[in-house]
Each structure stands twice: as C-alpha cells, then as structure tokens.
C-alpha cells in the first residue's frame, strides 16, 4: 500500500474512534420503562445524559408501536410510565 493510503486510513480510523467515544461518553444513564396507552402496554430501554433524558427517550420508543399519528404519539409520550427503572452506566 502507498504511504498516503495508510495515512488516510489511519486518519479515518482515528476520526471514527473519536466519534464513537464522544457519542457513548454522553450516555450516562439507562432507563427501562413500561408504558400503557389505550389499553396496550409496551416496554423500552434507552440511554441519555440524564435520567430525565433517558426516561423521555424510553417512553418515546415504547409509544412508537402503540400510537398512530402525531397527536397519539405526543399523548402517549406524556403518559407517566407504569414502571421505571434507571441505572447509571
């Protein structure tokens, strides 16, 4: 391989490693929630920088398959979870 090709591949690998590290380092809390909406229940897990962020993302993920349309998605996401368990990563 040519020297310029090796240098380019090393630079790309370093950039990818930095991007992965910064993305994962910001995810400090993981929450598992169980949401009930219109008689249906669904659970999801999500991570975030804070417990509130992680819980909000988990509620959004849990509501996805149950809510049809934007209004229902918002209403479901604003519903308090039946169960919530958060842990620090």
PDB file of N, CA and C in Angstrom:
ATOM      1  N   UNK A   1       0.842  -1.173   0.000  1.00  0.00           N
ATOM      2  CA  UNK A   1       0.000   0.000   0.000  1.00  0.00           C
ATOM      3  C   UNK A   1       0.889   1.239   0.000  1.00  0.00           C
ATOM      4  N   UNK A   2       0.372   2.268  -0.637  1.00  0.00           N
ATOM      5  CA  UNK A   2       1.114   3.521  -0.661  1.00  0.00           C
ATOM      6  C   UNK A   2       1.016   4.208   0.687  1.00  0.00           C
ATOM      7  N   UNK A   3       2.000   5.021   0.983  1.00  0.00           N
ATOM      8  CA  UNK A   3       2.063   5.717   2.268  1.00  0.00           C
ATOM      9  C   UNK A   3       0.856   6.630   2.465  1.00  0.00           C
ATOM     10  N   UNK A   4       0.421   7.324   1.421  1.00  0.00           N
ATOM     11  CA  UNK A   4      -0.732   8.224   1.549  1.00  0.00           C
ATOM     12  C   UNK A   4      -2.017   7.453   1.859  1.00  0.00           C
ATOM     13  N   UNK A   5      -2.138   6.256   1.334  1.00  0.00           N
ATOM     14  CA  UNK A   5      -3.307   5.424   1.611  1.00  0.00           C
ATOM     15  C   UNK A   5      -3.322   5.002   3.080  1.00  0.00           C
ATOM     16  N   UNK A   6      -2.172   4.617   3.602  1.00  0.00           N
ATOM     17  CA  UNK A   6      -2.069   4.201   5.003  1.00  0.00           C
ATOM     18  C   UNK A   6      -2.388   5.375   5.924  1.00  0.00           C
ATOM     19  N   UNK A   7      -1.852   6.549   5.614  1.00  0.00           N
ATOM     20  CA  UNK A   7      -2.105   7.733   6.435  1.00  0.00           C
ATOM     21  C   UNK A   7      -3.590   8.083   6.404  1.00  0.00           C
ATOM     22  N   UNK A   8      -4.214   8.012   5.252  1.00  0.00           N
ATOM     23  CA  UNK A   8      -5.645   8.296   5.131  1.00  0.00           C
ATOM     24  C   UNK A   8      -6.470   7.304   5.935  1.00  0.00           C
ATOM     25  N   UNK A   9      -6.139   6.025   5.864  1.00  0.00           N
ATOM     26  CA  UNK A   9      -6.876   5.011   6.627  1.00  0.00           C
ATOM     27  C   UNK A   9      -6.704   5.209   8.132  1.00  0.00           C
ATOM     28  N   UNK A  10      -5.506   5.557   8.569  1.00  0.00           N
ATOM     29  CA  UNK A  10      -5.274   5.825   9.995  1.00  0.00           C
ATOM     30  C   UNK A  10      -6.059   7.053  10.463  1.00  0.00           C
ATOM     31  N   UNK A  11      -6.105   8.079   9.631  1.00  0.00           N
ATOM     32  CA  UNK A  11      -6.862   9.280   9.988  1.00  0.00           C
ATOM     33  C   UNK A  11      -8.354   8.964  10.084  1.00  0.00           C
ATOM     34  N   UNK A  12      -8.870   8.183   9.165  1.00  0.00           N
ATOM     35  CA  UNK A  12     -10.283   7.793   9.210  1.00  0.00           C
ATOM     36  C   UNK A  12     -10.588   6.937  10.436  1.00  0.00           C
ATOM     37  N   UNK A  13      -9.693   6.020  10.766  1.00  0.00           N
ATOM     38  CA  UNK A  13      -9.890   5.175  11.951  1.00  0.00           C
ATOM     39  C   UNK A  13      -9.865   6.014  13.229  1.00  0.00           C
ATOM     40  N   UNK A  14      -8.963   6.982  13.294  1.00  0.00           N
ATOM     41  CA  UNK A  14      -8.888   7.857  14.468  1.00  0.00           C
ATOM     42  C   UNK A  14     -10.165   8.693  14.592  1.00  0.00           C
ATOM     43  N   UNK A  15     -10.647   9.213  13.479  1.00  0.00           N
ATOM     44  CA  UNK A  15     -11.882  10.002  13.499  1.00  0.00           C
ATOM     45  C   UNK A  15     -13.062   9.147  13.945  1.00  0.00           C
ATOM     46  N   UNK A  16     -13.173   7.934  13.428  1.00  0.00           N
ATOM     47  CA  UNK A  16     -14.266   7.036  13.806  1.00  0.00           C
ATOM     48  C   UNK A  16     -14.205   6.687  15.293  1.00  0.00           C
ATOM     49  N   UNK A  17     -13.005   6.452  15.811  1.00  0.00           N
ATOM     50  CA  UNK A  17     -12.846   6.141  17.236  1.00  0.00           C
ATOM     51  C   UNK A  17     -13.246   7.333  18.097  1.00  0.00           C
ATOM     52  N   UNK A  18     -12.845   8.534  17.696  1.00  0.00           N
ATOM     53  CA  UNK A  18     -13.208   9.733  18.449  1.00  0.00           C
ATOM     54  C   UNK A  18     -14.721   9.948  18.430  1.00  0.00           C
ATOM     55  N   UNK A  19     -15.335   9.756  17.277  1.00  0.00           N
ATOM     56  CA  UNK A  19     -16.779   9.923  17.151  1.00  0.00           C
ATOM     57  C   UNK A  19     -17.526   8.917  18.023  1.00  0.00           C
ATOM     58  N   UNK A  20     -17.103   7.670  18.015  1.00  0.00           N
ATOM     59  CA  UNK A  20     -17.718   6.640  18.834  1.00  0.00           C
ATOM     60  C   UNK A  20     -17.565   6.957  20.315  1.00  0.00           C
ATOM     61  N   UNK A  21     -16.375   7.366  20.726  1.00  0.00           N
ATOM     62  CA  UNK A  21     -16.128   7.679  22.136  1.00  0.00           C
ATOM     63  C   UNK A  21     -17.003   8.846  22.595  1.00  0.00           C
ATOM     64  N   UNK A  22     -17.050   9.930  21.828  1.00  0.00           N
ATOM     65  CA  UNK A  22     -17.835  11.085  22.256  1.00  0.00           C
ATOM     66  C   UNK A  22     -19.324  10.774  22.281  1.00  0.00           C
ATOM     67  N   UNK A  23     -19.785   9.924  21.396  1.00  0.00           N
ATOM     68  CA  UNK A  23     -21.198   9.541  21.384  1.00  0.00           C
ATOM     69  C   UNK A  23     -21.541   8.703  22.605  1.00  0.00           C
ATOM     70  N   UNK A  24     -20.732   7.719  22.902  1.00  0.00           N
ATOM     71  CA  UNK A  24     -21.017   6.823  24.023  1.00  0.00           C
ATOM     72  C   UNK A  24     -20.734   7.452  25.373  1.00  0.00           C
ATOM     73  N   UNK A  25     -19.788   8.379  25.444  1.00  0.00           N
ATOM     74  CA  UNK A  25     -19.440   9.003  26.716  1.00  0.00           C
ATOM     75  C   UNK A  25     -20.585   9.870  27.240  1.00  0.00           C
ATOM     76  N   UNK A  26     -21.405  10.408  26.357  1.00  0.00           N
ATOM     77  CA  UNK A  26     -22.501  11.266  26.800  1.00  0.00           C
ATOM     78  C   UNK A  26     -23.687  10.464  27.322  1.00  0.00           C
ATOM     79  N   UNK A  27     -23.729   9.184  27.073  1.00  0.00           N
ATOM     80  CA  UNK A  27     -24.823   8.324  27.525  1.00  0.00           C
ATOM     81  C   UNK A  27     -24.476   7.785  28.909  1.00  0.00           C
ATOM     82  N   UNK A  28     -24.921   8.474  29.961  1.00  0.00           N
ATOM     83  CA  UNK A  28     -24.509   8.124  31.317  1.00  0.00           C
ATOM     84  C   UNK A  28     -25.572   7.393  32.126  1.00  0.00           C
ATOM     85  N   UNK A  29     -26.823   7.437  31.685  1.00  0.00           N
ATOM     86  CA  UNK A  29     -27.921   6.809  32.423  1.00  0.00           C
ATOM     87  C   UNK A  29     -28.751   5.981  31.449  1.00  0.00           C
ATOM     88  N   UNK A  30     -29.181   4.801  31.899  1.00  0.00           N
ATOM     89  CA  UNK A  30     -30.037   3.943  31.092  1.00  0.00           C
ATOM     90  C   UNK A  30     -31.336   3.713  31.851  1.00  0.00           C
ATOM     91  N   UNK A  31     -32.472   3.882  31.182  1.00  0.00           N
ATOM     92  CA  UNK A  31     -33.779   3.670  31.806  1.00  0.00           C
ATOM     93  C   UNK A  31     -34.581   2.646  31.024  1.00  0.00           C
ATOM     94  N   UNK A  32     -35.279   1.822  31.769  1.00  0.00           N
ATOM     95  CA  UNK A  32     -36.214   0.844  31.212  1.00  0.00           C
ATOM     96  C   UNK A  32     -37.600   1.261  31.714  1.00  0.00           C
ATOM     97  N   UNK A  33     -38.557   1.423  30.797  1.00  0.00           N
ATOM     98  CA  UNK A  33     -39.904   1.847  31.184  1.00  0.00           C
ATOM     99  C   UNK A  33     -40.950   0.904  30.597  1.00  0.00           C
ATOM    100  N   UNK A  34     -42.106   0.886  31.244  1.00  0.00           N
ATOM    101  CA  UNK A  34     -43.283   0.181  30.747  1.00  0.00           C
ATOM    102  C   UNK A  34     -44.396   1.211  30.673  1.00  0.00           C
ATOM    103  N   UNK A  35     -44.966   1.384  29.480  1.00  0.00           N
ATOM    104  CA  UNK A  35     -45.996   2.398  29.246  1.00  0.00           C
ATOM    105  C   UNK A  35     -47.296   1.712  28.840  1.00  0.00           C
ATOM    106  N   UNK A  36     -48.414   2.238  29.351  1.00  0.00           N
ATOM    107  CA  UNK A  36     -49.730   1.772  28.927  1.00  0.00           C
ATOM    108  C   UNK A  36     -50.438   2.928  28.240  1.00  0.00           C
ATOM    109  N   UNK A  37     -50.968   2.656  27.038  1.00  0.00           N
ATOM    110  CA  UNK A  37     -51.700   3.677  26.279  1.00  0.00           C
ATOM    111  C   UNK A  37     -52.854   3.007  25.552  1.00  0.00           C
ATOM    112  N   UNK A  38     -54.040   3.506  25.803  1.00  0.00           N
ATOM    113  CA  UNK A  38     -55.264   2.979  25.198  1.00  0.00           C
ATOM    114  C   UNK A  38     -55.384   1.462  25.366  1.00  0.00           C
ATOM    115  N   UNK A  39     -55.087   0.986  26.559  1.00  0.00           N
ATOM    116  CA  UNK A  39     -55.244  -0.424  26.876  1.00  0.00           C
ATOM    117  C   UNK A  39     -54.113  -1.330  26.422  1.00  0.00           C
ATOM    118  N   UNK A  40     -53.121  -0.786  25.767  1.00  0.00           N
ATOM    119  CA  UNK A  40     -51.981  -1.598  25.306  1.00  0.00           C
ATOM    120  C   UNK A  40     -50.746  -1.231  26.120  1.00  0.00           C
ATOM    121  N   UNK A  41     -49.897  -2.210  26.327  1.00  0.00           N
ATOM    122  CA  UNK A  41     -48.661  -1.997  27.079  1.00  0.00           C
ATOM    123  C   UNK A  41     -47.451  -2.331  26.228  1.00  0.00           C
ATOM    124  N   UNK A  42     -46.380  -1.554  26.435  1.00  0.00           N
ATOM    125  CA  UNK A  42     -45.133  -1.817  25.729  1.00  0.00           C
ATOM    126  C   UNK A  42     -43.993  -1.273  26.569  1.00  0.00           C
ATOM    127  N   UNK A  43     -42.869  -1.942  26.520  1.00  0.00           N
ATOM    128  CA  UNK A  43     -41.691  -1.508  27.254  1.00  0.00           C
ATOM    129  C   UNK A  43     -40.552  -1.171  26.309  1.00  0.00           C
ATOM    130  N   UNK A  44     -39.618  -0.365  26.801  1.00  0.00           N
ATOM    131  CA  UNK A  44     -38.446   0.000  26.004  1.00  0.00           C
ATOM    132  C   UNK A  44     -37.319   0.416  26.928  1.00  0.00           C
ATOM    133  N   UNK A  45     -36.122   0.396  26.379  1.00  0.00           N
ATOM    134  CA  UNK A  45     -34.918   0.807  27.096  1.00  0.00           C
ATOM    135  C   UNK A  45     -34.230   1.880  26.265  1.00  0.00           C
ATOM    136  N   UNK A  46     -33.729   2.924  26.936  1.00  0.00           N
ATOM    137  CA  UNK A  46     -32.985   3.975  26.243  1.00  0.00           C
ATOM    138  C   UNK A  46     -31.959   4.557  27.201  1.00  0.00           C
ATOM    139  N   UNK A  47     -30.948   5.209  26.642  1.00  0.00           N
ATOM    140  CA  UNK A  47     -29.932   5.851  27.461  1.00  0.00           C
ATOM    141  C   UNK A  47     -29.862   7.325  27.121  1.00  0.00           C
ATOM    142  N   UNK A  48     -29.316   8.100  28.060  1.00  0.00           N
ATOM    143  CA  UNK A  48     -29.192   9.536  27.872  1.00  0.00           C
ATOM    144  C   UNK A  48     -28.198  10.118  28.838  1.00  0.00           C
ATOM    145  N   UNK A  49     -27.977  11.414  28.720  1.00  0.00           N
ATOM    146  CA  UNK A  49     -27.022  12.098  29.590  1.00  0.00           C
ATOM    147  C   UNK A  49     -27.558  12.204  31.015  1.00  0.00           C
ATOM    148  N   UNK A  50     -28.886  12.332  31.163  1.00  0.00           N
ATOM    149  CA  UNK A  50     -29.515  12.411  32.481  1.00  0.00           C
ATOM    150  C   UNK A  50     -30.637  11.385  32.558  1.00  0.00           C
ATOM    151  N   UNK A  51     -31.124  11.148  33.775  1.00  0.00           N
ATOM    152  CA  UNK A  51     -32.224  10.204  33.958  1.00  0.00           C
ATOM    153  C   UNK A  51     -33.484  10.695  33.251  1.00  0.00           C
ATOM    154  N   UNK A  52     -33.726  12.002  33.285  1.00  0.00           N
ATOM    155  CA  UNK A  52     -34.904  12.555  32.612  1.00  0.00           C
ATOM    156  C   UNK A  52     -34.820  12.345  31.104  1.00  0.00           C
ATOM    157  N   UNK A  53     -33.648  12.571  30.524  1.00  0.00           N
ATOM    158  CA  UNK A  53     -33.462  12.358  29.084  1.00  0.00           C
ATOM    159  C   UNK A  53     -33.673  10.896  28.715  1.00  0.00           C
ATOM    160  N   UNK A  54     -33.079  10.006  29.498  1.00  0.00           N
ATOM    161  CA  UNK A  54     -33.192   8.576  29.210  1.00  0.00           C
ATOM    162  C   UNK A  54     -34.634   8.102  29.341  1.00  0.00           C
ATOM    163  N   UNK A  55     -35.338   8.580  30.373  1.00  0.00           N
ATOM    164  CA  UNK A  55     -36.740   8.182  30.554  1.00  0.00           C
ATOM    165  C   UNK A  55     -37.602   8.697  29.405  1.00  0.00           C
ATOM    166  N   UNK A  56     -37.408   9.947  28.999  1.00  0.00           N
ATOM    167  CA  UNK A  56     -38.184  10.517  27.897  1.00  0.00           C
ATOM    168  C   UNK A  56     -37.966   9.724  26.607  1.00  0.00           C
ATOM    169  N   UNK A  57     -36.719   9.375  26.318  1.00  0.00           N
ATOM    170  CA  UNK A  57     -36.427   8.617  25.096  1.00  0.00           C
ATOM    171  C   UNK A  57     -37.011   7.207  25.163  1.00  0.00           C
ATOM    172  N   UNK A  58     -36.973   6.599  26.347  1.00  0.00           N
ATOM    173  CA  UNK A  58     -37.548   5.257  26.507  1.00  0.00           C
ATOM    174  C   UNK A  58     -39.067   5.295  26.339  1.00  0.00           C
ATOM    175  N   UNK A  59     -39.729   6.335  26.886  1.00  0.00           N
ATOM    176  CA  UNK A  59     -41.179   6.466  26.696  1.00  0.00           C
ATOM    177  C   UNK A  59     -41.517   6.656  25.227  1.00  0.00           C
ATOM    178  N   UNK A  60     -40.726   7.475  24.532  1.00  0.00           N
ATOM    179  CA  UNK A  60     -40.955   7.690  23.101  1.00  0.00           C
ATOM    180  C   UNK A  60     -40.807   6.378  22.327  1.00  0.00           C
ATOM    181  N   UNK A  61     -39.785   5.610  22.658  1.00  0.00           N
ATOM    182  CA  UNK A  61     -39.563   4.328  21.979  1.00  0.00           C
ATOM    183  C   UNK A  61     -40.682   3.333  22.293  1.00  0.00           C
ATOM    184  N   UNK A  62     -41.145   3.322  23.527  1.00  0.00           N
ATOM    185  CA  UNK A  62     -42.220   2.399  23.910  1.00  0.00           C
ATOM    186  C   UNK A  62     -43.534   2.781  23.236  1.00  0.00           C
ATOM    187  N   UNK A  63     -43.764   4.063  23.031  1.00  0.00           N
ATOM    188  CA  UNK A  63     -45.021   4.524  22.423  1.00  0.00           C
ATOM    189  C   UNK A  63     -45.050   4.329  20.917  1.00  0.00           C
ATOM    190  N   UNK A  64     -43.911   4.232  20.287  1.00  0.00           N
ATOM    191  CA  UNK A  64     -43.842   4.130  18.834  1.00  0.00           C
ATOM    192  C   UNK A  64     -44.778   3.101  18.221  1.00  0.00           C
ATOM    193  N   UNK A  65     -44.729   1.843  18.656  1.00  0.00           N
ATOM    194  CA  UNK A  65     -45.603   0.832  18.039  1.00  0.00           C
ATOM    195  C   UNK A  65     -47.079   0.941  18.440  1.00  0.00           C
ATOM    196  N   UNK A  66     -47.362   1.640  19.539  1.00  0.00           N
ATOM    197  CA  UNK A  66     -48.742   1.694  20.036  1.00  0.00           C
ATOM    198  C   UNK A  66     -49.526   2.887  19.515  1.00  0.00           C
ATOM    199  N   UNK A  67     -48.874   4.012  19.283  1.00  0.00           N
ATOM    200  CA  UNK A  67     -49.570   5.248  18.923  1.00  0.00           C
ATOM    201  C   UNK A  67     -49.551   5.444  17.413  1.00  0.00           C
ATOM    202  N   UNK A  68     -50.706   5.775  16.871  1.00  0.00           N
ATOM    203  CA  UNK A  68     -50.834   6.031  15.440  1.00  0.00           C
ATOM    204  C   UNK A  68     -51.085   7.519  15.229  1.00  0.00           C
ATOM    205  N   UNK A  69     -50.153   8.208  14.592  1.00  0.00           N
ATOM    206  CA  UNK A  69     -50.312   9.632  14.335  1.00  0.00           C
ATOM    207  C   UNK A  69     -49.583  10.477  15.357  1.00  0.00           C
ATOM    208  N   UNK A  70     -49.366  11.728  14.996  1.00  0.00           N
ATOM    209  CA  UNK A  70     -48.598  12.636  15.844  1.00  0.00           C
ATOM    210  C   UNK A  70     -49.296  12.936  17.160  1.00  0.00           C
ATOM    211  N   UNK A  71     -50.604  13.211  17.128  1.00  0.00           N
ATOM    212  CA  UNK A  71     -51.324  13.525  18.368  1.00  0.00           C
ATOM    213  C   UNK A  71     -51.262  12.367  19.359  1.00  0.00           C
ATOM    214  N   UNK A  72     -51.460  11.156  18.876  1.00  0.00           N
ATOM    215  CA  UNK A  72     -51.408   9.982  19.748  1.00  0.00           C
ATOM    216  C   UNK A  72     -49.989   9.755  20.262  1.00  0.00           C
ATOM    217  N   UNK A  73     -49.002   9.988  19.432  1.00  0.00           N
ATOM    218  CA  UNK A  73     -47.606   9.825  19.863  1.00  0.00           C
ATOM    219  C   UNK A  73     -47.265  10.794  20.991  1.00  0.00           C
ATOM    220  N   UNK A  74     -47.701  12.040  20.843  1.00  0.00           N
ATOM    221  CA  UNK A  74     -47.437  13.039  21.885  1.00  0.00           C
ATOM    222  C   UNK A  74     -48.183  12.692  23.163  1.00  0.00           C
ATOM    223  N   UNK A  75     -49.457  12.307  23.027  1.00  0.00           N
ATOM    224  CA  UNK A  75     -50.251  11.948  24.211  1.00  0.00           C
ATOM    225  C   UNK A  75     -49.644  10.749  24.926  1.00  0.00           C
ATOM    226  N   UNK A  76     -49.226   9.747  24.173  1.00  0.00           N
ATOM    227  CA  UNK A  76     -48.620   8.561  24.778  1.00  0.00           C
ATOM    228  C   UNK A  76     -47.297   8.909  25.459  1.00  0.00           C
ATOM    229  N   UNK A  77     -46.479   9.709  24.805  1.00  0.00           N
ATOM    230  CA  UNK A  77     -45.177  10.081  25.367  1.00  0.00           C
ATOM    231  C   UNK A  77     -45.318  10.894  26.651  1.00  0.00           C
ATOM    232  N   UNK A  78     -46.450  11.605  26.803  1.00  0.00           N
ATOM    233  CA  UNK A  78     -46.679  12.394  28.015  1.00  0.00           C
ATOM    234  C   UNK A  78     -47.304  11.581  29.140  1.00  0.00           C
ATOM    235  N   UNK A  79     -47.631  10.317  28.863  1.00  0.00           N
ATOM    236  CA  UNK A  79     -48.212   9.437  29.871  1.00  0.00           C
ATOM    237  C   UNK A  79     -47.114   8.955  30.823  1.00  0.00           C
ATOM    238  N   UNK A  80     -47.314   9.082  32.141  1.00  0.00           N
ATOM    239  CA  UNK A  80     -46.305   8.565  33.074  1.00  0.00           C
ATOM    240  C   UNK A  80     -46.179   7.046  32.932  1.00  0.00           C
ATOM    241  N   UNK A  81     -44.957   6.516  33.022  1.00  0.00           N
ATOM    242  CA  UNK A  81     -44.779   5.075  32.871  1.00  0.00           C
ATOM    243  C   UNK A  81     -45.354   4.301  34.057  1.00  0.00           C
ATOM    244  N   UNK A  82     -45.833   3.088  33.788  1.00  0.00           N
ATOM    245  CA  UNK A  82     -46.308   2.211  34.866  1.00  0.00           C
ATOM    246  C   UNK A  82     -45.136   1.731  35.710  1.00  0.00           C
ATOM    247  N   UNK A  83     -44.030   1.461  35.036  1.00  0.00           N
ATOM    248  CA  UNK A  83     -42.809   1.013  35.707  1.00  0.00           C
ATOM    249  C   UNK A  83     -41.643   1.790  35.134  1.00  0.00           C
ATOM    250  N   UNK A  84     -40.687   2.100  36.000  1.00  0.00           N
ATOM    251  CA  UNK A  84     -39.483   2.808  35.545  1.00  0.00           C
ATOM    252  C   UNK A  84     -38.303   2.342  36.382  1.00  0.00           C
ATOM    253  N   UNK A  85     -37.232   1.995  35.707  1.00  0.00           N
ATOM    254  CA  UNK A  85     -36.004   1.588  36.386  1.00  0.00           C
ATOM    255  C   UNK A  85     -34.835   2.237  35.658  1.00  0.00           C
ATOM    256  N   UNK A  86     -34.089   3.068  36.371  1.00  0.00           N
ATOM    257  CA  UNK A  86     -32.940   3.752  35.772  1.00  0.00           C
ATOM    258  C   UNK A  86     -31.679   3.342  36.517  1.00  0.00           C
ATOM    259  N   UNK A  87     -30.596   3.273  35.751  1.00  0.00           N
ATOM    260  CA  UNK A  87     -29.300   2.945  36.361  1.00  0.00           C
ATOM    261  C   UNK A  87     -28.212   3.766  35.690  1.00  0.00           C
ATOM    262  N   UNK A  88     -27.200   4.086  36.467  1.00  0.00           N
ATOM    263  CA  UNK A  88     -26.070   4.834  35.951  1.00  0.00           C
ATOM    264  C   UNK A  88     -25.117   3.882  35.260  1.00  0.00           C
ATOM    265  N   UNK A  89     -24.652   4.277  34.089  1.00  0.00           N
ATOM    266  CA  UNK A  89     -23.723   3.437  33.327  1.00  0.00           C
ATOM    267  C   UNK A  89     -22.290   3.687  33.739  1.00  0.00           C
TER     268      UNK A  89
END
